[in-house]
Protein backbone atom coordinates (compact mmCIF):
# COMPACT_ATOMS: atom_id res chain seq x y z
CA MET A 1 -29.64 -25.85 -30.99
CA ALA A 2 -29.20 -22.09 -30.88
CA ILE A 3 -30.63 -22.05 -27.37
CA LYS A 4 -28.05 -24.56 -26.15
CA SER A 5 -25.19 -22.52 -27.62
CA ASN A 6 -26.57 -19.35 -25.98
CA TYR A 7 -26.64 -21.11 -22.59
CA LEU A 8 -23.16 -22.45 -23.19
CA ALA A 9 -21.85 -18.98 -24.06
CA LEU A 10 -23.57 -17.50 -21.00
CA PHE A 11 -22.13 -20.24 -18.80
CA ILE A 12 -18.61 -19.58 -20.12
CA ILE A 13 -18.89 -15.81 -19.57
CA VAL A 14 -20.22 -16.24 -16.02
CA SER A 15 -17.50 -18.81 -15.23
CA ILE A 16 -14.74 -16.53 -16.49
CA GLY A 17 -16.13 -13.62 -14.48
CA PHE A 18 -16.50 -15.73 -11.36
CA PHE A 19 -13.03 -17.26 -11.42
CA SER A 20 -11.25 -14.06 -12.34
CA ALA A 21 -12.97 -12.22 -9.49
CA CYS A 22 -11.85 -14.78 -6.91
CA LYS A 23 -8.10 -14.60 -7.46
CA LYS A 24 -5.83 -13.47 -4.63
CA ASN A 25 -4.46 -9.96 -4.59
CA LYS A 26 -0.75 -10.37 -3.91
CA ASP A 27 -0.36 -6.64 -3.19
CA VAL A 28 -2.27 -6.90 0.11
CA ILE A 29 -0.09 -7.26 3.20
CA SER A 30 -1.72 -9.70 5.59
CA ASN A 31 0.21 -8.79 8.75
CA PRO A 32 1.82 -5.37 8.46
CA ILE A 33 4.33 -4.13 11.01
CA ILE A 34 3.91 -0.40 11.45
CA THR A 35 7.14 1.43 12.19
CA GLY A 36 8.74 4.82 11.73
CA ASP A 37 6.61 7.54 10.19
CA LEU A 38 3.59 5.24 9.80
CA LEU A 39 3.63 4.56 13.54
CA LYS A 40 3.84 8.28 14.26
CA ASP A 41 1.03 9.04 11.81
CA SER A 42 -1.09 6.33 13.44
CA ALA A 43 -0.52 7.81 16.91
CA VAL A 44 -1.72 11.22 15.70
CA ILE A 45 -4.73 9.73 13.88
CA ALA A 46 -5.74 7.76 16.97
CA SER A 47 -5.31 10.87 19.14
CA ARG A 48 -7.56 12.88 16.81
CA ASP A 49 -10.18 10.19 17.34
CA ILE A 50 -10.03 9.27 21.05
CA TYR A 51 -7.94 11.86 22.94
CA LEU A 52 -10.06 13.78 25.45
CA TRP A 53 -8.98 17.10 23.91
CA TYR A 54 -9.08 15.79 20.31
CA ASP A 55 -10.94 18.85 19.06
CA GLN A 56 -8.15 21.15 20.23
CA ILE A 57 -5.34 19.45 18.28
CA PRO A 58 -4.32 21.84 15.47
CA ALA A 59 -4.71 20.57 11.91
CA ALA A 60 -1.03 21.40 11.33
CA PHE A 61 0.20 19.15 14.19
CA ASN A 62 2.99 17.00 12.74
CA GLY A 63 3.70 13.77 14.63
CA ARG A 64 6.67 12.98 12.39
CA SER A 65 8.69 15.72 14.08
CA TYR A 66 8.75 13.68 17.31
CA ASP A 67 10.99 10.72 18.19
CA ASP A 68 8.30 8.22 19.17
CA PRO A 69 4.60 7.92 20.07
CA ASN A 70 5.19 8.83 23.72
CA LYS A 71 6.88 12.08 22.67
CA ILE A 72 3.89 12.75 20.41
CA MET A 73 1.57 12.44 23.42
CA GLU A 74 3.81 14.79 25.39
CA GLY A 75 3.54 17.25 22.48
CA LEU A 76 -0.24 16.91 22.38
CA ARG A 77 -0.62 17.63 26.09
CA GLN A 78 -0.01 21.34 25.50
CA TYR A 79 -3.42 21.51 23.76
CA SER A 80 -5.33 20.15 26.77
CA VAL A 81 -6.81 23.49 27.71
CA ASP A 82 -9.91 23.70 29.89
CA PRO A 83 -11.77 26.81 31.07
CA GLY A 84 -10.64 28.00 34.47
CA PHE A 85 -7.08 26.72 34.10
CA THR A 86 -4.11 28.81 33.02
CA ALA A 87 -1.94 25.87 31.94
CA PRO A 88 -2.61 22.60 30.09
CA VAL A 89 -4.43 20.14 32.33
CA ASP A 90 -3.23 16.83 30.86
CA HIS A 91 -0.15 15.59 32.70
CA TRP A 92 -0.77 11.86 32.41
CA SER A 93 -1.58 10.73 28.85
CA PHE A 94 1.06 8.49 27.32
CA ALA A 95 1.63 6.04 24.51
CA VAL A 96 3.64 2.85 24.40
CA LYS A 97 4.92 0.62 21.63
CA GLN A 98 3.27 -2.79 21.21
CA ASP A 99 6.20 -4.79 22.60
CA GLU A 100 6.42 -2.53 25.67
CA TRP A 101 2.67 -2.90 26.24
CA ASP A 102 2.92 -6.67 25.91
CA ASN A 103 5.70 -6.70 28.52
CA ILE A 104 3.66 -4.56 30.90
CA SER A 105 0.46 -6.55 30.47
CA ASN A 106 2.35 -9.81 30.98
CA GLY A 107 4.03 -8.47 34.11
CA VAL A 108 7.55 -8.71 32.66
CA SER A 109 8.44 -5.10 33.43
CA GLY A 110 7.64 -5.41 37.13
CA ASP A 111 4.18 -3.88 36.76
CA PHE A 112 1.33 -5.66 38.53
CA GLY A 113 -0.99 -5.14 35.54
CA LEU A 114 -3.70 -3.04 37.10
CA GLY A 115 -4.79 0.58 37.04
CA VAL A 116 -6.37 2.40 39.97
CA PHE A 117 -8.35 5.59 40.58
CA PHE A 118 -9.84 7.49 43.50
CA PHE A 119 -13.64 7.11 43.48
CA ASN A 120 -13.70 9.84 46.13
CA THR A 121 -11.19 11.19 48.62
CA ASN A 122 -10.85 8.01 50.70
CA ASP A 123 -11.97 5.37 48.21
CA LEU A 124 -9.25 3.88 45.95
CA ARG A 125 -10.64 1.47 43.33
CA VAL A 126 -9.31 -0.87 40.62
CA LYS A 127 -9.90 0.78 37.23
CA SER A 128 -8.51 -1.94 34.95
CA VAL A 129 -6.80 -5.32 35.14
CA GLU A 130 -4.71 -6.98 32.43
CA GLU A 131 -5.82 -10.60 32.16
CA LEU A 132 -2.31 -12.12 31.91
CA SER A 133 -0.69 -9.85 34.50
CA PRO A 134 0.11 -10.86 38.09
CA ALA A 135 -3.02 -8.98 39.23
CA GLY A 136 -5.19 -10.75 36.64
CA LYS A 137 -3.77 -14.15 37.54
CA ALA A 138 -4.42 -13.39 41.23
CA GLY A 139 -8.12 -12.89 40.43
CA ILE A 140 -8.34 -9.14 41.03
CA HIS A 141 -11.34 -7.52 39.28
CA ARG A 142 -12.27 -4.07 38.04
CA GLY A 143 -14.19 -2.05 40.63
CA TRP A 144 -12.67 -3.67 43.69
CA ARG A 145 -12.04 -1.29 46.55
CA ILE A 146 -8.43 -1.12 47.75
């Protein structure tokens, strides 16, 4: 009889632990919209991770002092220093907001949805194609020679 009550007590304790551990946390935001200072902080954090000159960004760089992510990228360009150059070498890096990117990749803004680069002096190639853009819908692929 004592064994059955021990199993019953153990079963009750395990059940309470199991069901209390599986409740939803209502403090978690399932689909956050990042705006304002959080967006600016995110742009700086991403730049510290993937920007070509990430290791030259000063620790004191404050993205919140800029108007938007694109202005942050313009501010970061000054740190793109390479040996042999007297001025910053990055003139092209930019950032866009999600809705602007969606418009570009869908072709709404008049963009064709592809990026190009020169493989060598006389060889222009497709670098990237947005799937839903006019270029993507036309069947253009990365690597094609233009």
